[in-house]
């Protein structure tokens, strides 16, 4: 097998709704930081100048949300209550959900707004098969081409409730998208709500998670690098953050060696 990277980077230099703060201590600064900590916490004196080249180790400190970069949403993200019971946090989810065969659906022609069940059925027909239980379904919308810009957060397509239920009816537990959200952009939802007065147009894909337990992978990338609708396994284990509604993931596809990629493979 070879590995196709499906993850977007956490990058403090890119535009984000919730900006990333990234502080870097150089190896020399890391030595002084360690010496200060040992003196403060343990009363141990140490001169970092005794280290080779006066350096210890670098240290990165980041401030960001669990929804920055490629991440997995847990059921507890969708609400505090669910019809099926108590929503689980990301550290409580079964690991076998996150290493399963993938099924990529081509939705690159979908305009900004809502993807309905009929459009999803057409994508399934084009893929040549329906999802099997526990398959990880990846929605290739092409929205990742706008990553790092304000447009990434306003120009994309997301599922409505019926389309989400359609996938879950097949036994799917994880749905991924290369867009900012599995739902349509906020501006689109708000316009539809003001026009219709229907609360069902507000975050329908997320709120389906209050009825049925499933996870979303948001902010994927490079889905065009996959060989086709099938022929790969998705690995997207979320970081184990106790009590969290989401966790970052380095999502990758494990592709069979004899399968050709649509584009040049981007390694992990």
C-alpha atoms as a PDB file:
ATOM      1  CA  UNK A   1       0.000   0.000   0.000  1.00  0.00           C
ATOM      2  CA  UNK A   2       0.975   3.632  -0.340  1.00  0.00           C
ATOM      3  CA  UNK A   3      -0.301   6.503   1.790  1.00  0.00           C
ATOM      4  CA  UNK A   4      -2.280   9.520   0.593  1.00  0.00           C
ATOM      5  CA  UNK A   5      -2.418  12.434   3.015  1.00  0.00           C
ATOM      6  CA  UNK A   6      -6.006  13.675   3.425  1.00  0.00           C
ATOM      7  CA  UNK A   7      -5.319  16.253   6.133  1.00  0.00           C
ATOM      8  CA  UNK A   8      -5.129  20.020   6.129  1.00  0.00           C
ATOM      9  CA  UNK A   9      -2.407  21.681   8.177  1.00  0.00           C
ATOM     10  CA  UNK A  10      -2.812  23.649  11.377  1.00  0.00           C
ATOM     11  CA  UNK A  11      -1.116  26.842  10.206  1.00  0.00           C
ATOM     12  CA  UNK A  12      -0.985  30.070  12.219  1.00  0.00           C
ATOM     13  CA  UNK A  13      -0.171  31.948   9.001  1.00  0.00           C
ATOM     14  CA  UNK A  14      -3.477  31.032   7.359  1.00  0.00           C
ATOM     15  CA  UNK A  15      -6.730  32.942   7.783  1.00  0.00           C
ATOM     16  CA  UNK A  16      -9.028  31.382  10.393  1.00  0.00           C
ATOM     17  CA  UNK A  17     -12.287  32.431  12.018  1.00  0.00           C
ATOM     18  CA  UNK A  18     -10.633  31.497  15.312  1.00  0.00           C
ATOM     19  CA  UNK A  19      -6.997  32.509  14.737  1.00  0.00           C
ATOM     20  CA  UNK A  20      -4.269  30.044  15.681  1.00  0.00           C
ATOM     21  CA  UNK A  21      -1.600  31.274  18.079  1.00  0.00           C
ATOM     22  CA  UNK A  22       1.707  29.443  17.688  1.00  0.00           C
ATOM     23  CA  UNK A  23       4.597  30.264  20.009  1.00  0.00           C
ATOM     24  CA  UNK A  24       7.954  28.603  19.365  1.00  0.00           C
ATOM     25  CA  UNK A  25      10.782  28.335  21.861  1.00  0.00           C
ATOM     26  CA  UNK A  26      14.095  27.708  20.101  1.00  0.00           C
ATOM     27  CA  UNK A  27      16.377  24.914  21.389  1.00  0.00           C
ATOM     28  CA  UNK A  28      18.435  27.558  23.224  1.00  0.00           C
ATOM     29  CA  UNK A  29      15.307  29.079  24.751  1.00  0.00           C
ATOM     30  CA  UNK A  30      14.154  25.552  25.604  1.00  0.00           C
ATOM     31  CA  UNK A  31      17.336  25.042  27.639  1.00  0.00           C
ATOM     32  CA  UNK A  32      16.739  28.194  29.636  1.00  0.00           C
ATOM     33  CA  UNK A  33      13.064  27.268  30.072  1.00  0.00           C
ATOM     34  CA  UNK A  34      14.036  23.855  31.468  1.00  0.00           C
ATOM     35  CA  UNK A  35      16.613  25.361  33.846  1.00  0.00           C
ATOM     36  CA  UNK A  36      14.110  27.889  35.150  1.00  0.00           C
ATOM     37  CA  UNK A  37      11.489  25.177  35.677  1.00  0.00           C
ATOM     38  CA  UNK A  38      13.895  22.879  37.517  1.00  0.00           C
ATOM     39  CA  UNK A  39      14.950  25.747  39.789  1.00  0.00           C
ATOM     40  CA  UNK A  40      11.366  26.867  40.444  1.00  0.00           C
ATOM     41  CA  UNK A  41       9.692  23.492  40.909  1.00  0.00           C
ATOM     42  CA  UNK A  42      12.465  21.270  42.308  1.00  0.00           C
ATOM     43  CA  UNK A  43      15.159  23.589  43.678  1.00  0.00           C
ATOM     44  CA  UNK A  44      17.722  22.125  41.259  1.00  0.00           C
ATOM     45  CA  UNK A  45      20.313  24.475  39.823  1.00  0.00           C
ATOM     46  CA  UNK A  46      21.520  23.856  36.293  1.00  0.00           C
ATOM     47  CA  UNK A  47      23.353  26.116  33.867  1.00  0.00           C
ATOM     48  CA  UNK A  48      22.024  25.577  30.326  1.00  0.00           C
ATOM     49  CA  UNK A  49      25.427  26.702  29.029  1.00  0.00           C
ATOM     50  CA  UNK A  50      26.650  23.216  30.004  1.00  0.00           C
ATOM     51  CA  UNK A  51      24.473  21.695  27.274  1.00  0.00           C
ATOM     52  CA  UNK A  52      26.004  20.920  23.857  1.00  0.00           C
ATOM     53  CA  UNK A  53      25.910  24.226  21.943  1.00  0.00           C
ATOM     54  CA  UNK A  54      23.957  25.651  24.895  1.00  0.00           C
ATOM     55  CA  UNK A  55      20.788  24.081  23.498  1.00  0.00           C
ATOM     56  CA  UNK A  56      18.230  21.597  24.793  1.00  0.00           C
ATOM     57  CA  UNK A  57      14.990  21.079  22.850  1.00  0.00           C
ATOM     58  CA  UNK A  58      12.547  23.319  21.042  1.00  0.00           C
ATOM     59  CA  UNK A  59       9.027  23.706  22.407  1.00  0.00           C
ATOM     60  CA  UNK A  60       5.829  24.639  20.567  1.00  0.00           C
ATOM     61  CA  UNK A  61       2.803  26.092  22.367  1.00  0.00           C
ATOM     62  CA  UNK A  62      -0.430  26.496  20.435  1.00  0.00           C
ATOM     63  CA  UNK A  63      -3.793  28.040  21.174  1.00  0.00           C
ATOM     64  CA  UNK A  64      -6.527  26.774  18.879  1.00  0.00           C
ATOM     65  CA  UNK A  65      -9.921  25.080  18.882  1.00  0.00           C
ATOM     66  CA  UNK A  66     -10.454  21.366  18.377  1.00  0.00           C
ATOM     67  CA  UNK A  67     -12.226  22.335  15.140  1.00  0.00           C
ATOM     68  CA  UNK A  68      -9.115  23.878  13.594  1.00  0.00           C
ATOM     69  CA  UNK A  69      -7.535  21.809  10.848  1.00  0.00           C
ATOM     70  CA  UNK A  70      -8.719  18.301  10.014  1.00  0.00           C
ATOM     71  CA  UNK A  71     -10.713  16.989  12.963  1.00  0.00           C
ATOM     72  CA  UNK A  72     -13.382  14.486  14.000  1.00  0.00           C
ATOM     73  CA  UNK A  73     -16.599  15.714  15.614  1.00  0.00           C
ATOM     74  CA  UNK A  74     -17.940  13.551  18.421  1.00  0.00           C
ATOM     75  CA  UNK A  75     -21.665  13.096  19.190  1.00  0.00           C
ATOM     76  CA  UNK A  76     -21.352  15.367  22.241  1.00  0.00           C
ATOM     77  CA  UNK A  77     -20.533  18.228  19.852  1.00  0.00           C
ATOM     78  CA  UNK A  78     -24.059  18.128  18.428  1.00  0.00           C
ATOM     79  CA  UNK A  79     -25.841  18.703  21.742  1.00  0.00           C
ATOM     80  CA  UNK A  80     -25.982  17.672  25.388  1.00  0.00           C
ATOM     81  CA  UNK A  81     -28.926  15.307  24.839  1.00  0.00           C
ATOM     82  CA  UNK A  82     -29.771  12.706  22.221  1.00  0.00           C
ATOM     83  CA  UNK A  83     -32.740  10.455  21.501  1.00  0.00           C
ATOM     84  CA  UNK A  84     -30.531   7.375  21.697  1.00  0.00           C
ATOM     85  CA  UNK A  85     -28.996   8.186  25.097  1.00  0.00           C
ATOM     86  CA  UNK A  86     -26.093  10.215  26.432  1.00  0.00           C
ATOM     87  CA  UNK A  87     -23.875  11.577  23.631  1.00  0.00           C
ATOM     88  CA  UNK A  88     -20.310  10.304  23.858  1.00  0.00           C
ATOM     89  CA  UNK A  89     -17.175  12.450  23.857  1.00  0.00           C
ATOM     90  CA  UNK A  90     -14.331  11.980  21.401  1.00  0.00           C
ATOM     91  CA  UNK A  91     -12.238   9.920  23.833  1.00  0.00           C
ATOM     92  CA  UNK A  92     -15.129   7.478  24.268  1.00  0.00           C
ATOM     93  CA  UNK A  93     -15.723   6.585  20.626  1.00  0.00           C
ATOM     94  CA  UNK A  94     -14.968   3.039  19.365  1.00  0.00           C
ATOM     95  CA  UNK A  95     -11.639   2.982  17.544  1.00  0.00           C
ATOM     96  CA  UNK A  96     -12.852   0.574  14.876  1.00  0.00           C
ATOM     97  CA  UNK A  97     -15.020   3.356  13.435  1.00  0.00           C
ATOM     98  CA  UNK A  98     -11.880   5.176  12.335  1.00  0.00           C
ATOM     99  CA  UNK A  99     -10.055   2.503  10.319  1.00  0.00           C
ATOM    100  CA  UNK A 100     -12.431   1.324   7.631  1.00  0.00           C
ATOM    101  CA  UNK A 101     -12.805   1.091   3.845  1.00  0.00           C
ATOM    102  CA  UNK A 102     -13.529   4.429   2.233  1.00  0.00           C
ATOM    103  CA  UNK A 103     -16.090   5.445  -0.367  1.00  0.00           C
ATOM    104  CA  UNK A 104     -15.474   8.766  -2.116  1.00  0.00           C
ATOM    105  CA  UNK A 105     -18.422  10.594  -3.652  1.00  0.00           C
ATOM    106  CA  UNK A 106     -17.793  13.191  -6.353  1.00  0.00           C
ATOM    107  CA  UNK A 107     -19.731  16.353  -5.511  1.00  0.00           C
ATOM    108  CA  UNK A 108     -17.320  18.830  -7.058  1.00  0.00           C
ATOM    109  CA  UNK A 109     -20.102  20.327  -9.193  1.00  0.00           C
ATOM    110  CA  UNK A 110     -22.260  21.163  -6.162  1.00  0.00           C
ATOM    111  CA  UNK A 111     -22.757  24.934  -5.799  1.00  0.00           C
ATOM    112  CA  UNK A 112     -22.561  26.725  -2.457  1.00  0.00           C
ATOM    113  CA  UNK A 113     -25.556  25.651  -0.413  1.00  0.00           C
ATOM    114  CA  UNK A 114     -27.297  22.379   0.340  1.00  0.00           C
ATOM    115  CA  UNK A 115     -26.672  18.902  -1.057  1.00  0.00           C
ATOM    116  CA  UNK A 116     -29.925  16.961  -0.934  1.00  0.00           C
ATOM    117  CA  UNK A 117     -30.649  13.253  -0.915  1.00  0.00           C
ATOM    118  CA  UNK A 118     -31.368  13.125  -4.657  1.00  0.00           C
ATOM    119  CA  UNK A 119     -27.961  14.609  -5.514  1.00  0.00           C
ATOM    120  CA  UNK A 120     -26.336  12.191  -3.091  1.00  0.00           C
ATOM    121  CA  UNK A 121     -28.098   9.226  -4.713  1.00  0.00           C
ATOM    122  CA  UNK A 122     -26.729  10.329  -8.071  1.00  0.00           C
ATOM    123  CA  UNK A 123     -23.226  10.456  -6.604  1.00  0.00           C
ATOM    124  CA  UNK A 124     -23.706   6.940  -5.247  1.00  0.00           C
ATOM    125  CA  UNK A 125     -24.819   5.738  -8.681  1.00  0.00           C
ATOM    126  CA  UNK A 126     -21.728   7.318 -10.223  1.00  0.00           C
ATOM    127  CA  UNK A 127     -19.531   5.655  -7.596  1.00  0.00           C
ATOM    128  CA  UNK A 128     -20.912   2.278  -8.624  1.00  0.00           C
ATOM    129  CA  UNK A 129     -21.990   1.041  -5.218  1.00  0.00           C
ATOM    130  CA  UNK A 130     -23.687   2.004  -1.990  1.00  0.00           C
ATOM    131  CA  UNK A 131     -21.870   2.205   1.348  1.00  0.00           C
ATOM    132  CA  UNK A 132     -21.436  -0.917   3.422  1.00  0.00           C
ATOM    133  CA  UNK A 133     -21.826  -0.820   7.205  1.00  0.00           C
ATOM    134  CA  UNK A 134     -18.967   1.150   8.825  1.00  0.00           C
ATOM    135  CA  UNK A 135     -17.629   2.396   5.475  1.00  0.00           C
ATOM    136  CA  UNK A 136     -16.187   5.899   5.838  1.00  0.00           C
ATOM    137  CA  UNK A 137     -17.895   8.088   3.245  1.00  0.00           C
ATOM    138  CA  UNK A 138     -15.850  11.038   1.967  1.00  0.00           C
ATOM    139  CA  UNK A 139     -17.580  13.945   0.229  1.00  0.00           C
ATOM    140  CA  UNK A 140     -15.291  15.419  -2.435  1.00  0.00           C
ATOM    141  CA  UNK A 141     -16.612  18.953  -2.961  1.00  0.00           C
ATOM    142  CA  UNK A 142     -13.344  20.693  -3.871  1.00  0.00           C
ATOM    143  CA  UNK A 143     -13.823  23.257  -1.101  1.00  0.00           C
ATOM    144  CA  UNK A 144     -10.288  22.605   0.192  1.00  0.00           C
ATOM    145  CA  UNK A 145      -8.977  24.618  -2.761  1.00  0.00           C
ATOM    146  CA  UNK A 146     -10.085  27.736  -0.841  1.00  0.00           C
ATOM    147  CA  UNK A 147      -8.420  26.724   2.439  1.00  0.00           C
ATOM    148  CA  UNK A 148      -6.501  29.554   4.095  1.00  0.00           C
ATOM    149  CA  UNK A 149      -8.835  32.255   2.756  1.00  0.00           C
ATOM    150  CA  UNK A 150     -12.071  33.810   4.098  1.00  0.00           C
ATOM    151  CA  UNK A 151     -13.954  32.193   1.198  1.00  0.00           C
ATOM    152  CA  UNK A 152     -13.226  28.753   2.658  1.00  0.00           C
ATOM    153  CA  UNK A 153     -15.697  29.542   5.441  1.00  0.00           C
ATOM    154  CA  UNK A 154     -18.477  30.893   3.221  1.00  0.00           C
ATOM    155  CA  UNK A 155     -18.319  29.068  -0.137  1.00  0.00           C
ATOM    156  CA  UNK A 156     -18.991  25.346   0.118  1.00  0.00           C
ATOM    157  CA  UNK A 157     -21.776  22.784   0.002  1.00  0.00           C
ATOM    158  CA  UNK A 158     -23.115  20.738   2.907  1.00  0.00           C
ATOM    159  CA  UNK A 159     -25.675  18.006   3.493  1.00  0.00           C
ATOM    160  CA  UNK A 160     -29.274  18.466   4.510  1.00  0.00           C
ATOM    161  CA  UNK A 161     -30.958  16.163   7.036  1.00  0.00           C
ATOM    162  CA  UNK A 162     -32.369  13.759   4.442  1.00  0.00           C
ATOM    163  CA  UNK A 163     -28.984  13.283   2.771  1.00  0.00           C
ATOM    164  CA  UNK A 164     -27.349  12.648   6.145  1.00  0.00           C
ATOM    165  CA  UNK A 165     -30.008  10.099   7.093  1.00  0.00           C
ATOM    166  CA  UNK A 166     -29.538   8.405   3.722  1.00  0.00           C
ATOM    167  CA  UNK A 167     -25.890   7.628   4.498  1.00  0.00           C
ATOM    168  CA  UNK A 168     -26.604   6.579   8.068  1.00  0.00           C
ATOM    169  CA  UNK A 169     -29.327   4.203   6.826  1.00  0.00           C
ATOM    170  CA  UNK A 170     -26.545   2.174   5.152  1.00  0.00           C
ATOM    171  CA  UNK A 171     -24.786   1.703   8.500  1.00  0.00           C
ATOM    172  CA  UNK A 172     -22.245   4.493   7.986  1.00  0.00           C
ATOM    173  CA  UNK A 173     -20.818   5.839  11.257  1.00  0.00           C
ATOM    174  CA  UNK A 174     -18.278   8.360   9.922  1.00  0.00           C
ATOM    175  CA  UNK A 175     -18.919  10.943   7.183  1.00  0.00           C
ATOM    176  CA  UNK A 176     -16.077  13.169   5.992  1.00  0.00           C
ATOM    177  CA  UNK A 177     -15.936  16.340   3.925  1.00  0.00           C
ATOM    178  CA  UNK A 178     -13.218  18.553   2.495  1.00  0.00           C
ATOM    179  CA  UNK A 179     -15.343  21.586   3.369  1.00  0.00           C
ATOM    180  CA  UNK A 180     -15.300  23.681   6.530  1.00  0.00           C
ATOM    181  CA  UNK A 181     -18.513  22.023   7.746  1.00  0.00           C
ATOM    182  CA  UNK A 182     -20.759  19.101   6.900  1.00  0.00           C
ATOM    183  CA  UNK A 183     -23.593  21.642   6.902  1.00  0.00           C
ATOM    184  CA  UNK A 184     -24.077  24.448   4.406  1.00  0.00           C
ATOM    185  CA  UNK A 185     -22.454  27.832   5.184  1.00  0.00           C
ATOM    186  CA  UNK A 186     -24.008  29.825   8.015  1.00  0.00           C
ATOM    187  CA  UNK A 187     -25.044  32.670   5.714  1.00  0.00           C
ATOM    188  CA  UNK A 188     -26.917  30.271   3.432  1.00  0.00           C
ATOM    189  CA  UNK A 189     -28.702  28.581   6.347  1.00  0.00           C
ATOM    190  CA  UNK A 190     -29.670  31.897   7.904  1.00  0.00           C
ATOM    191  CA  UNK A 191     -31.072  33.212   4.618  1.00  0.00           C
ATOM    192  CA  UNK A 192     -33.173  30.070   4.193  1.00  0.00           C
ATOM    193  CA  UNK A 193     -34.390  30.262   7.790  1.00  0.00           C
ATOM    194  CA  UNK A 194     -35.477  33.883   7.403  1.00  0.00           C
ATOM    195  CA  UNK A 195     -37.199  33.018   4.138  1.00  0.00           C
ATOM    196  CA  UNK A 196     -39.038  29.923   5.383  1.00  0.00           C
ATOM    197  CA  UNK A 197     -39.135  30.152   9.173  1.00  0.00           C
ATOM    198  CA  UNK A 198     -38.168  26.474   9.180  1.00  0.00           C
ATOM    199  CA  UNK A 199     -35.695  25.635  11.968  1.00  0.00           C
ATOM    200  CA  UNK A 200     -34.917  22.402  10.149  1.00  0.00           C
ATOM    201  CA  UNK A 201     -32.627  24.300   7.769  1.00  0.00           C
ATOM    202  CA  UNK A 202     -30.305  25.284  10.650  1.00  0.00           C
ATOM    203  CA  UNK A 203     -27.359  22.881  11.027  1.00  0.00           C
ATOM    204  CA  UNK A 204     -29.425  19.873   9.870  1.00  0.00           C
ATOM    205  CA  UNK A 205     -26.471  17.494   9.353  1.00  0.00           C
ATOM    206  CA  UNK A 206     -25.091  18.199  12.813  1.00  0.00           C
ATOM    207  CA  UNK A 207     -28.494  17.974  14.475  1.00  0.00           C
ATOM    208  CA  UNK A 208     -29.165  14.570  12.905  1.00  0.00           C
ATOM    209  CA  UNK A 209     -26.483  13.550  15.399  1.00  0.00           C
ATOM    210  CA  UNK A 210     -28.999  14.219  18.167  1.00  0.00           C
ATOM    211  CA  UNK A 211     -31.167  11.484  16.699  1.00  0.00           C
ATOM    212  CA  UNK A 212     -28.528   8.981  15.559  1.00  0.00           C
ATOM    213  CA  UNK A 213     -24.982   8.455  16.769  1.00  0.00           C
ATOM    214  CA  UNK A 214     -22.307   9.201  14.197  1.00  0.00           C
ATOM    215  CA  UNK A 215     -19.118  11.222  13.707  1.00  0.00           C
ATOM    216  CA  UNK A 216     -18.039  13.754  11.114  1.00  0.00           C
ATOM    217  CA  UNK A 217     -14.577  14.430   9.709  1.00  0.00           C
ATOM    218  CA  UNK A 218     -14.384  18.060   8.680  1.00  0.00           C
ATOM    219  CA  UNK A 219     -11.711  20.021   6.797  1.00  0.00           C
ATOM    220  CA  UNK A 220     -10.207  17.108   4.870  1.00  0.00           C
ATOM    221  CA  UNK A 221      -7.925  17.825   1.925  1.00  0.00           C
ATOM    222  CA  UNK A 222      -6.583  16.218  -1.252  1.00  0.00           C
ATOM    223  CA  UNK A 223      -9.555  13.937  -1.880  1.00  0.00           C
ATOM    224  CA  UNK A 224      -8.712  14.309  -5.570  1.00  0.00           C
ATOM    225  CA  UNK A 225      -5.539  12.355  -4.811  1.00  0.00           C
ATOM    226  CA  UNK A 226      -7.541   9.202  -4.190  1.00  0.00           C
ATOM    227  CA  UNK A 227      -7.643   6.540  -6.919  1.00  0.00           C
ATOM    228  CA  UNK A 228     -11.388   6.669  -7.351  1.00  0.00           C
ATOM    229  CA  UNK A 229     -14.536   5.963  -5.374  1.00  0.00           C
ATOM    230  CA  UNK A 230     -13.060   2.841  -3.756  1.00  0.00           C
ATOM    231  CA  UNK A 231      -9.808   0.895  -3.411  1.00  0.00           C
ATOM    232  CA  UNK A 232      -8.541   2.458  -0.192  1.00  0.00           C
ATOM    233  CA  UNK A 233      -8.858   2.298   3.576  1.00  0.00           C
ATOM    234  CA  UNK A 234      -9.270   5.474   5.630  1.00  0.00           C
ATOM    235  CA  UNK A 235      -7.383   5.942   8.893  1.00  0.00           C
ATOM    236  CA  UNK A 236      -8.648   8.912  10.914  1.00  0.00           C
ATOM    237  CA  UNK A 237      -8.089   8.154  14.599  1.00  0.00           C
ATOM    238  CA  UNK A 238      -8.957  11.266  16.646  1.00  0.00           C
ATOM    239  CA  UNK A 239      -6.641  12.617  19.319  1.00  0.00           C
ATOM    240  CA  UNK A 240      -7.793  11.331  22.714  1.00  0.00           C
ATOM    241  CA  UNK A 241      -8.913  14.520  24.485  1.00  0.00           C
ATOM    242  CA  UNK A 242     -10.852  13.693  27.641  1.00  0.00           C
ATOM    243  CA  UNK A 243     -14.383  15.094  27.663  1.00  0.00           C
ATOM    244  CA  UNK A 244     -13.996  16.891  24.300  1.00  0.00           C
ATOM    245  CA  UNK A 245     -16.544  17.279  21.537  1.00  0.00           C
ATOM    246  CA  UNK A 246     -13.899  16.886  18.841  1.00  0.00           C
ATOM    247  CA  UNK A 247     -10.313  15.824  18.298  1.00  0.00           C
ATOM    248  CA  UNK A 248      -7.739  16.549  15.627  1.00  0.00           C
ATOM    249  CA  UNK A 249      -6.773  13.745  13.269  1.00  0.00           C
ATOM    250  CA  UNK A 250      -4.032  13.082  10.718  1.00  0.00           C
ATOM    251  CA  UNK A 251      -6.409  11.487   8.233  1.00  0.00           C
ATOM    252  CA  UNK A 252      -4.795   9.347   5.546  1.00  0.00           C
ATOM    253  CA  UNK A 253      -5.860   6.819   2.947  1.00  0.00           C
ATOM    254  CA  UNK A 254      -4.084   3.481   2.594  1.00  0.00           C
ATOM    255  CA  UNK A 255      -4.241   2.714  -1.117  1.00  0.00           C
ATOM    256  CA  UNK A 256      -3.615  -0.646  -2.715  1.00  0.00           C
ATOM    257  CA  UNK A 257      -0.314  -0.599  -4.634  1.00  0.00           C
ATOM    258  CA  UNK A 258      -1.788  -1.605  -7.995  1.00  0.00           C
ATOM    259  CA  UNK A 259      -4.270   1.268  -7.944  1.00  0.00           C
ATOM    260  CA  UNK A 260      -3.303   4.444  -9.803  1.00  0.00           C
ATOM    261  CA  UNK A 261      -3.868   7.812  -8.146  1.00  0.00           C
ATOM    262  CA  UNK A 262      -5.787  10.616  -9.891  1.00  0.00           C
ATOM    263  CA  UNK A 263      -3.022  13.068  -8.959  1.00  0.00           C
ATOM    264  CA  UNK A 264       0.478  12.843  -7.599  1.00  0.00           C
ATOM    265  CA  UNK A 265       0.457  11.258  -4.162  1.00  0.00           C
ATOM    266  CA  UNK A 266       1.076  13.639  -1.283  1.00  0.00           C
ATOM    267  CA  UNK A 267       2.826  11.557   1.386  1.00  0.00           C
ATOM    268  CA  UNK A 268       2.049  11.692   5.066  1.00  0.00           C
END
